[in-house]
């Protein structure tokens, strides 16, 4: 593994130690050959100090049980509608899935507990539809749930809620997961299900969304969710139907708006998808975020070791000149960095000179993130900074990237045009070419 990736893992372990993650696990995952592997991964997360709460989905299993007992049911707006005669069978199916998860966690030496932490009420009659045994979350019994977490248990919450008088209702597991994550002020909410990969080959992706090297939408901002759902409402993807995906995206958006730090959609058909999503910037699924995921900011002194590490491969190939910590300390105000979740992935500087000239220098982008278009955005910001500070001309010195800089309006020029102070540092042996752009 690359050194920086190892550092990422360590950084995320420190960041999420003691945090709470709510995981909505589809029941098709329980029947998957990867089920044991996912449970093992959850055990590893618990060992790092992360608190786990599991919300088992039971839709498929409930359908099979109701059908086997010839209990009539329908779906309306994604909600199961059945009479009171179906409730005992719904409970049986929901608790069966929860017990299978608890049994598997026991094999991983984790102590799980199935509990009734959900106060519910009936949906009643809406627009003429009697929802029968379907309910909605009224309250999460937060004090007792936190007590279980503090005592080292892994709570498992079936998709059943009870009224104050003990009457049970069937709760949509997605709704339950959001309500639980919001009540716990969870750092993350995971929706884990088979086939839930959002690929650029299958969907129309927003321009500002983060894209992974393998062509997966790695992150999407809350404000882009509605337009994404609208643009992709007719997409036919049998592995993840558009209505199901829209529900997950909308639920993740709502969770973030209500205080959950991040929501994630993960494909359970990928081995190791859960730890990979937690311990890397671009993860293995799709993250929904409200703010502060990735962006440009001025460099600080604390960033200098990371910036030097970022530049190192470019120095080794001769693209960049070596810098020292002392040199960067005197130039912190001239550098911009791009940060994703606390990790620096790009840097660049605008060095001012007399007579309205400034040099764009030190451009470095982490190779693993180059596909995200960070480099061009960084150039645009440095050019804009040059205009804002009253520069009349920008220049760059390069040995291998002249074609790339020409895309931004730079053109070849003679070395004699360099500012005198910069010309003193220019080496004929290195043979850097000069390019200029007029502002």
Protein backbone atom coordinates (compact mmCIF):
# COMPACT_ATOMS: atom_id res chain seq x y z
CA UNK A 1 0.00 0.00 0.00
CA UNK A 2 1.22 3.51 -0.79
CA UNK A 3 2.63 5.38 2.21
CA UNK A 4 0.04 8.15 1.94
CA UNK A 5 -2.79 5.59 1.94
CA UNK A 6 -1.43 4.10 5.17
CA UNK A 7 -1.35 7.58 6.66
CA UNK A 8 -4.95 8.09 5.56
CA UNK A 9 -6.03 4.96 7.41
CA UNK A 10 -4.26 6.06 10.59
CA UNK A 11 -5.74 9.55 10.30
CA UNK A 12 -9.26 8.18 9.92
CA UNK A 13 -8.85 5.71 12.80
CA UNK A 14 -7.93 8.64 15.05
CA UNK A 15 -10.74 10.76 13.64
CA UNK A 16 -13.53 8.23 14.17
CA UNK A 17 -12.46 6.65 17.45
CA UNK A 18 -15.42 6.97 19.81
CA UNK A 19 -17.78 8.02 17.01
CA UNK A 20 -21.14 6.41 16.23
CA UNK A 21 -22.06 4.81 12.90
CA UNK A 22 -25.60 3.64 12.12
CA UNK A 23 -25.77 0.89 9.49
CA UNK A 24 -28.98 0.01 7.63
CA UNK A 25 -28.28 -3.50 6.32
CA UNK A 26 -30.58 -4.89 3.62
CA UNK A 27 -31.78 -8.43 4.25
CA UNK A 28 -30.38 -9.53 0.89
CA UNK A 29 -26.95 -8.96 2.45
CA UNK A 30 -27.74 -11.58 5.10
CA UNK A 31 -28.26 -14.14 2.32
CA UNK A 32 -25.08 -13.07 0.50
CA UNK A 33 -21.83 -15.10 0.42
CA UNK A 34 -20.12 -11.91 1.66
CA UNK A 35 -22.29 -11.66 4.79
CA UNK A 36 -19.69 -13.23 7.09
CA UNK A 37 -17.01 -10.93 5.68
CA UNK A 38 -19.12 -7.83 6.30
CA UNK A 39 -19.75 -8.91 9.91
CA UNK A 40 -16.02 -9.51 10.37
CA UNK A 41 -15.37 -5.98 9.08
CA UNK A 42 -17.85 -4.58 11.60
CA UNK A 43 -15.99 -6.40 14.36
CA UNK A 44 -12.76 -4.75 13.19
CA UNK A 45 -14.46 -1.34 13.34
CA UNK A 46 -15.56 -1.97 16.90
CA UNK A 47 -11.95 -2.84 17.78
CA UNK A 48 -10.86 0.62 16.56
CA UNK A 49 -13.25 2.24 19.05
CA UNK A 50 -16.16 2.95 16.69
CA UNK A 51 -19.67 2.46 18.12
CA UNK A 52 -21.94 0.49 15.77
CA UNK A 53 -25.74 0.39 15.61
CA UNK A 54 -27.37 -1.98 13.09
CA UNK A 55 -30.81 -1.48 11.54
CA UNK A 56 -31.68 -4.68 9.62
CA UNK A 57 -33.87 -4.25 6.58
CA UNK A 58 -36.37 -7.11 6.27
CA UNK A 59 -38.47 -6.23 3.24
CA UNK A 60 -37.67 -9.30 1.14
CA UNK A 61 -37.94 -11.69 4.08
CA UNK A 62 -41.24 -10.17 5.22
CA UNK A 63 -42.65 -10.57 1.70
CA UNK A 64 -41.67 -14.24 1.60
CA UNK A 65 -43.17 -14.95 5.03
CA UNK A 66 -46.45 -13.16 4.26
CA UNK A 67 -46.73 -14.96 0.93
CA UNK A 68 -46.05 -18.34 2.52
CA UNK A 69 -48.88 -17.79 5.00
CA UNK A 70 -51.13 -16.32 2.28
CA UNK A 71 -51.43 -12.95 4.01
CA UNK A 72 -52.55 -10.22 1.60
CA UNK A 73 -50.32 -7.16 1.28
CA UNK A 74 -49.57 -4.34 -1.17
CA UNK A 75 -46.99 -1.56 -1.47
CA UNK A 76 -48.06 2.09 -1.65
CA UNK A 77 -45.44 4.84 -2.06
CA UNK A 78 -42.83 2.36 -0.84
CA UNK A 79 -44.79 1.48 2.33
CA UNK A 80 -46.10 -2.04 2.95
CA UNK A 81 -49.85 -2.10 3.55
CA UNK A 82 -51.37 -5.09 5.28
CA UNK A 83 -54.02 -5.73 7.88
CA UNK A 84 -53.49 -6.45 11.54
CA UNK A 85 -53.51 -10.17 10.77
CA UNK A 86 -50.11 -9.71 9.10
CA UNK A 87 -48.35 -8.01 12.03
CA UNK A 88 -47.35 -11.19 13.88
CA UNK A 89 -45.76 -12.54 10.71
CA UNK A 90 -44.00 -9.24 10.04
CA UNK A 91 -42.54 -9.35 13.56
CA UNK A 92 -41.46 -12.95 13.06
CA UNK A 93 -39.63 -12.09 9.84
CA UNK A 94 -38.03 -8.91 11.22
CA UNK A 95 -36.74 -10.61 14.36
CA UNK A 96 -35.49 -13.61 12.37
CA UNK A 97 -33.22 -11.34 10.31
CA UNK A 98 -32.07 -9.56 13.47
CA UNK A 99 -31.27 -12.89 15.14
CA UNK A 100 -29.22 -14.04 12.18
CA UNK A 101 -27.14 -10.88 12.39
CA UNK A 102 -26.71 -11.28 16.15
CA UNK A 103 -25.62 -14.90 15.70
CA UNK A 104 -23.00 -13.91 13.15
CA UNK A 105 -21.68 -11.12 15.38
CA UNK A 106 -21.39 -13.63 18.22
CA UNK A 107 -19.07 -15.65 16.01
CA UNK A 108 -16.93 -12.52 15.81
CA UNK A 109 -16.86 -12.34 19.62
CA UNK A 110 -19.10 -9.28 19.72
CA UNK A 111 -21.96 -8.98 22.18
CA UNK A 112 -25.01 -7.75 20.32
CA UNK A 113 -28.43 -7.05 21.77
CA UNK A 114 -31.81 -6.79 20.02
CA UNK A 115 -33.93 -4.10 21.64
CA UNK A 116 -37.21 -2.21 21.41
CA UNK A 117 -35.80 1.31 21.46
CA UNK A 118 -38.44 2.64 19.03
CA UNK A 119 -41.64 4.41 20.10
CA UNK A 120 -44.03 4.44 17.13
CA UNK A 121 -47.52 5.40 16.07
CA UNK A 122 -49.69 4.23 13.20
CA UNK A 123 -49.70 5.95 9.84
CA UNK A 124 -53.47 5.75 9.87
CA UNK A 125 -55.47 6.77 6.80
CA UNK A 126 -53.74 9.11 4.33
CA UNK A 127 -55.46 10.28 1.14
CA UNK A 128 -57.98 7.50 1.52
CA UNK A 129 -55.37 4.77 1.99
CA UNK A 130 -55.55 2.84 5.26
CA UNK A 131 -51.96 1.89 6.07
CA UNK A 132 -53.03 -0.70 8.63
CA UNK A 133 -49.98 -2.14 10.41
CA UNK A 134 -47.55 0.43 8.97
CA UNK A 135 -46.21 2.99 11.40
CA UNK A 136 -43.81 5.89 11.71
CA UNK A 137 -41.13 6.66 14.26
CA UNK A 138 -42.35 8.88 17.06
CA UNK A 139 -39.31 8.71 19.32
CA UNK A 140 -36.02 6.85 19.78
CA UNK A 141 -35.45 5.82 23.40
CA UNK A 142 -32.08 7.55 23.41
CA UNK A 143 -31.06 7.14 27.04
CA UNK A 144 -31.33 3.34 27.09
CA UNK A 145 -29.82 3.04 23.59
CA UNK A 146 -26.78 5.09 24.62
CA UNK A 147 -26.49 2.99 27.78
CA UNK A 148 -26.21 -0.15 25.66
CA UNK A 149 -23.53 1.47 23.50
CA UNK A 150 -21.61 2.72 26.54
CA UNK A 151 -21.67 -0.81 27.97
CA UNK A 152 -19.97 -2.13 24.84
CA UNK A 153 -22.98 -3.77 23.16
CA UNK A 154 -23.79 -3.62 19.46
CA UNK A 155 -27.50 -2.66 19.36
CA UNK A 156 -29.63 -4.28 16.67
CA UNK A 157 -32.95 -2.49 16.08
CA UNK A 158 -35.57 -4.46 14.10
CA UNK A 159 -37.94 -2.54 11.84
CA UNK A 160 -40.68 -2.69 14.46
CA UNK A 161 -41.87 0.09 16.77
CA UNK A 162 -44.30 0.03 19.66
CA UNK A 163 -46.83 2.51 20.99
CA UNK A 164 -46.90 3.48 24.66
CA UNK A 165 -49.57 0.81 25.16
CA UNK A 166 -47.48 -1.91 23.50
CA UNK A 167 -49.09 -2.05 20.07
CA UNK A 168 -46.53 -2.94 17.35
CA UNK A 169 -46.15 -1.29 13.97
CA UNK A 170 -44.00 -2.07 10.96
CA UNK A 171 -41.48 0.76 10.35
CA UNK A 172 -39.63 1.29 7.07
CA UNK A 173 -36.00 0.44 7.86
CA UNK A 174 -34.69 3.43 5.91
CA UNK A 175 -36.87 5.80 7.93
CA UNK A 176 -35.83 4.03 11.14
CA UNK A 177 -32.14 4.30 10.26
CA UNK A 178 -32.43 8.05 9.62
CA UNK A 179 -34.35 8.64 12.86
CA UNK A 180 -31.80 6.60 14.85
CA UNK A 181 -28.79 8.35 13.30
CA UNK A 182 -30.33 11.78 13.92
CA UNK A 183 -31.19 10.95 17.54
CA UNK A 184 -27.66 9.64 18.21
CA UNK A 185 -26.04 12.57 16.35
CA UNK A 186 -24.14 9.92 14.42
CA UNK A 187 -21.04 10.78 12.45
CA UNK A 188 -22.10 8.42 9.67
CA UNK A 189 -25.19 6.67 8.37
CA UNK A 190 -24.58 3.73 6.01
CA UNK A 191 -27.13 2.23 3.63
CA UNK A 192 -25.64 -1.15 2.68
CA UNK A 193 -27.39 -3.13 -0.04
CA UNK A 194 -26.70 -5.31 -3.03
CA UNK A 195 -25.97 -3.49 -6.30
CA UNK A 196 -25.95 0.03 -4.83
CA UNK A 197 -23.13 1.42 -6.98
CA UNK A 198 -23.64 4.78 -8.70
CA UNK A 199 -21.51 4.56 -11.83
CA UNK A 200 -20.83 7.32 -14.36
CA UNK A 201 -21.69 4.75 -17.02
CA UNK A 202 -25.23 4.34 -15.68
CA UNK A 203 -26.20 7.79 -14.39
CA UNK A 204 -25.99 11.47 -15.27
CA UNK A 205 -23.53 12.75 -12.65
CA UNK A 206 -23.50 16.37 -11.35
CA UNK A 207 -20.43 18.35 -12.53
CA UNK A 208 -19.21 19.06 -8.98
CA UNK A 209 -19.54 15.47 -7.75
CA UNK A 210 -16.34 13.64 -6.80
CA UNK A 211 -15.58 10.74 -9.13
CA UNK A 212 -13.42 7.77 -8.16
CA UNK A 213 -10.71 6.45 -10.53
CA UNK A 214 -12.93 3.46 -11.40
CA UNK A 215 -15.79 5.74 -12.49
CA UNK A 216 -17.99 5.69 -9.38
CA UNK A 217 -19.68 8.79 -7.98
CA UNK A 218 -17.70 8.98 -4.73
CA UNK A 219 -19.42 12.01 -3.20
CA UNK A 220 -22.39 14.27 -3.89
CA UNK A 221 -23.42 17.45 -2.11
CA UNK A 222 -26.84 17.68 -0.46
CA UNK A 223 -27.84 20.55 -2.75
CA UNK A 224 -27.26 18.36 -5.85
CA UNK A 225 -29.48 15.46 -4.72
CA UNK A 226 -32.82 16.70 -6.06
CA UNK A 227 -31.44 17.51 -9.52
CA UNK A 228 -29.66 14.13 -9.65
CA UNK A 229 -32.90 12.30 -8.82
CA UNK A 230 -34.83 14.31 -11.42
CA UNK A 231 -32.25 13.79 -14.18
CA UNK A 232 -31.99 10.05 -13.55
CA UNK A 233 -35.61 9.19 -12.80
CA UNK A 234 -35.95 7.13 -15.99
CA UNK A 235 -32.64 5.25 -15.69
CA UNK A 236 -33.17 1.49 -15.97
CA UNK A 237 -30.63 -0.20 -13.72
CA UNK A 238 -31.84 -3.62 -12.53
CA UNK A 239 -29.15 -3.81 -9.84
CA UNK A 240 -30.35 -0.58 -8.21
CA UNK A 241 -33.78 0.62 -9.45
CA UNK A 242 -34.15 4.39 -9.79
CA UNK A 243 -36.97 4.57 -7.21
CA UNK A 244 -34.91 2.67 -4.65
CA UNK A 245 -31.82 4.81 -5.31
CA UNK A 246 -33.90 8.00 -5.12
CA UNK A 247 -35.22 6.90 -1.71
CA UNK A 248 -31.69 6.27 -0.41
CA UNK A 249 -30.38 9.59 -1.72
CA UNK A 250 -33.33 11.55 -0.34
CA UNK A 251 -33.03 9.78 3.02
CA UNK A 252 -29.30 10.49 3.15
CA UNK A 253 -29.95 14.14 2.31
CA UNK A 254 -32.57 14.42 5.06
CA UNK A 255 -30.24 12.81 7.60
CA UNK A 256 -27.46 15.29 6.80
CA UNK A 257 -29.82 18.27 6.96
CA UNK A 258 -30.97 17.06 10.37
CA UNK A 259 -27.47 16.83 11.82
CA UNK A 260 -25.85 13.56 10.72
CA UNK A 261 -22.33 14.39 9.54
CA UNK A 262 -22.30 12.14 6.44
CA UNK A 263 -24.53 9.53 4.81
CA UNK A 264 -23.19 6.77 2.55
CA UNK A 265 -24.66 4.39 -0.02
CA UNK A 266 -22.61 1.17 -0.23
CA UNK A 267 -22.72 -1.84 -2.53
CA UNK A 268 -22.75 -5.00 -0.40
CA UNK A 269 -21.52 -7.02 -3.39
CA UNK A 270 -18.06 -5.48 -2.86
CA UNK A 271 -15.91 -7.27 -0.30
CA UNK A 272 -14.55 -4.87 2.33
CA UNK A 273 -16.83 -2.03 1.21
CA UNK A 274 -17.53 -0.78 4.76
CA UNK A 275 -13.95 -0.22 6.06
CA UNK A 276 -12.86 1.01 2.62
CA UNK A 277 -15.56 3.70 2.76
CA UNK A 278 -14.53 4.81 6.24
CA UNK A 279 -10.75 4.77 5.96
CA UNK A 280 -10.14 6.48 2.60
CA UNK A 281 -11.06 9.84 1.08
CA UNK A 282 -12.80 8.53 -2.05
CA UNK A 283 -14.06 5.42 -0.29
CA UNK A 284 -15.82 2.58 -2.03
CA UNK A 285 -19.40 3.87 -2.23
CA UNK A 286 -21.17 7.21 -2.57
CA UNK A 287 -21.02 9.75 0.24
CA UNK A 288 -23.66 12.44 0.78
CA UNK A 289 -22.35 15.53 2.51
CA UNK A 290 -23.70 18.89 3.59
CA UNK A 291 -20.42 20.84 3.71
CA UNK A 292 -16.70 20.70 4.42
CA UNK A 293 -15.88 17.59 2.38
CA UNK A 294 -13.37 19.01 -0.06
CA UNK A 295 -12.20 22.48 -0.95
CA UNK A 296 -9.42 25.01 -1.40
CA UNK A 297 -7.98 27.04 1.45
CA UNK A 298 -4.75 28.94 2.26
CA UNK A 299 -1.82 26.85 3.40
CA UNK A 300 -0.89 26.92 7.09
CA UNK A 301 2.43 26.09 8.75
CA UNK A 302 0.93 22.82 9.99
CA UNK A 303 0.40 21.80 6.34
CA UNK A 304 4.09 22.02 5.39
CA UNK A 305 5.02 18.34 6.02
CA UNK A 306 2.00 17.18 3.98
CA UNK A 307 2.81 19.65 1.17
CA UNK A 308 6.42 18.46 0.99
CA UNK A 309 5.17 14.87 0.86
CA UNK A 310 2.73 15.84 -1.91
CA UNK A 311 5.53 17.43 -3.91
CA UNK A 312 8.03 14.60 -3.41
CA UNK A 313 7.10 12.39 -6.42
CA UNK A 314 7.14 15.46 -8.70
CA UNK A 315 10.56 16.47 -7.39
CA UNK A 316 11.87 12.94 -7.97
CA UNK A 317 10.75 13.01 -11.61
CA UNK A 318 12.20 16.49 -12.16
CA UNK A 319 8.86 18.22 -12.68
CA UNK A 320 9.26 20.38 -9.57
CA UNK A 321 12.27 21.94 -7.89
CA UNK A 322 12.89 20.76 -4.32
CA UNK A 323 11.61 23.00 -1.52
CA UNK A 324 12.58 23.13 2.14
CA UNK A 325 10.39 23.55 5.19
CA UNK A 326 12.10 26.88 5.91
CA UNK A 327 11.36 28.12 2.41
CA UNK A 328 7.69 27.16 2.62
CA UNK A 329 7.36 28.80 6.04
CA UNK A 330 8.22 32.16 4.49
CA UNK A 331 5.68 31.59 1.68
CA UNK A 332 2.61 30.19 3.46
CA UNK A 333 0.46 33.15 2.41
CA UNK A 334 1.29 32.50 -1.25
CA UNK A 335 0.13 28.86 -1.31
CA UNK A 336 -3.29 27.31 -1.78
CA UNK A 337 -4.01 23.71 -0.83
CA UNK A 338 -6.90 21.40 -1.63
CA UNK A 339 -8.14 19.36 1.31
CA UNK A 340 -10.45 16.36 1.39
CA UNK A 341 -11.60 15.28 4.85
CA UNK A 342 -8.43 16.54 6.49
CA UNK A 343 -6.02 15.15 3.87
CA UNK A 344 -4.13 17.44 1.47
CA UNK A 345 -4.48 16.38 -2.17
CA UNK A 346 -3.13 19.37 -4.12
CA UNK A 347 -1.09 22.53 -3.69
CA UNK A 348 0.09 25.50 -5.74
CA UNK A 349 1.47 28.99 -5.22
CA UNK A 350 1.38 32.47 -6.69
CA UNK A 351 4.69 34.25 -6.00
CA UNK A 352 4.55 38.05 -6.61
CA UNK A 353 7.41 39.99 -8.24
CA UNK A 354 7.92 43.69 -9.04
CA UNK A 355 6.45 45.36 -12.12
CA UNK A 356 3.11 43.54 -11.92
CA UNK A 357 4.50 40.05 -12.56
CA UNK A 358 3.75 36.88 -10.58
CA UNK A 359 4.82 33.26 -10.91
CA UNK A 360 2.53 30.25 -10.64
CA UNK A 361 4.66 27.50 -9.11
CA UNK A 362 4.68 24.39 -6.96
CA UNK A 363 1.65 22.82 -8.64
CA UNK A 364 1.24 19.28 -7.32
CA UNK A 365 -1.84 17.04 -7.36
CA UNK A 366 -2.03 13.63 -5.72
CA UNK A 367 -2.07 11.15 -8.59
CA UNK A 368 -4.99 9.23 -7.07
CA UNK A 369 -7.13 12.40 -7.24
CA UNK A 370 -5.95 13.86 -10.55
CA UNK A 371 -9.08 12.56 -12.34
CA UNK A 372 -11.25 14.89 -10.22
CA UNK A 373 -10.15 18.01 -12.10
CA UNK A 374 -8.48 19.54 -9.05
CA UNK A 375 -5.45 20.72 -11.09
CA UNK A 376 -7.46 22.90 -13.51
CA UNK A 377 -9.55 24.32 -10.66
CA UNK A 378 -6.35 25.17 -8.78
CA UNK A 379 -4.96 26.97 -11.84
CA UNK A 380 -8.18 28.95 -12.23
CA UNK A 381 -8.01 30.04 -8.59
CA UNK A 382 -4.36 31.10 -8.87
CA UNK A 383 -5.08 33.04 -12.07
CA UNK A 384 -8.05 34.71 -10.34
CA UNK A 385 -5.82 35.59 -7.38
CA UNK A 386 -3.36 37.18 -9.80
CA UNK A 387 -6.12 39.38 -11.22
CA UNK A 388 -7.39 40.31 -7.77
CA UNK A 389 -3.94 41.40 -6.63
CA UNK A 390 -3.45 43.64 -9.67
CA UNK A 391 -0.93 41.54 -11.62
CA UNK A 392 -0.57 42.35 -15.29
CA UNK A 393 1.36 39.20 -16.24
CA UNK A 394 1.65 35.66 -14.93
CA UNK A 395 4.49 33.30 -15.82
CA UNK A 396 5.43 29.68 -15.23
CA UNK A 397 8.70 27.79 -15.59
CA UNK A 398 8.35 24.16 -16.63
CA UNK A 399 10.37 21.31 -18.06
CA UNK A 400 7.60 18.79 -18.83
CA UNK A 401 4.18 20.47 -18.58
CA UNK A 402 4.24 23.22 -21.20
CA UNK A 403 1.30 21.72 -23.12
CA UNK A 404 -0.80 21.61 -19.95
CA UNK A 405 -0.15 25.28 -19.10
CA UNK A 406 -0.96 26.34 -22.66
CA UNK A 407 -4.53 25.13 -22.01
CA UNK A 408 -4.86 28.09 -19.62
CA UNK A 409 -3.76 30.75 -22.07
CA UNK A 410 0.00 30.66 -21.42
CA UNK A 411 2.35 31.02 -24.38
CA UNK A 412 6.13 30.56 -24.80
CA UNK A 413 8.39 33.50 -23.98
CA UNK A 414 12.10 34.24 -23.71
CA UNK A 415 13.89 33.67 -20.42
CA UNK A 416 15.14 37.28 -20.60
CA UNK A 417 11.62 38.38 -19.63
CA UNK A 418 11.97 36.81 -16.19
CA UNK A 419 12.05 39.25 -13.26
CA UNK A 420 15.66 39.86 -12.21
CA UNK A 421 15.24 38.21 -8.79
CA UNK A 422 13.73 35.08 -10.34
CA UNK A 423 16.32 34.95 -13.10
CA UNK A 424 19.02 34.59 -10.45
CA UNK A 425 17.53 31.21 -9.50
CA UNK A 426 17.06 29.98 -13.06
CA UNK A 427 19.46 27.20 -14.03
CA UNK A 428 20.60 26.75 -17.60
CA UNK A 429 21.36 23.10 -16.83
CA UNK A 430 17.75 22.48 -15.83
CA UNK A 431 16.58 24.20 -19.01
CA UNK A 432 13.12 25.21 -17.84
CA UNK A 433 10.92 26.82 -20.46
CA UNK A 434 9.12 30.08 -19.68
CA UNK A 435 5.47 30.63 -20.51
CA UNK A 436 3.54 33.86 -19.99
CA UNK A 437 -0.10 34.86 -19.77
CA UNK A 438 -1.27 38.46 -19.94
CA UNK A 439 -4.07 39.46 -17.57
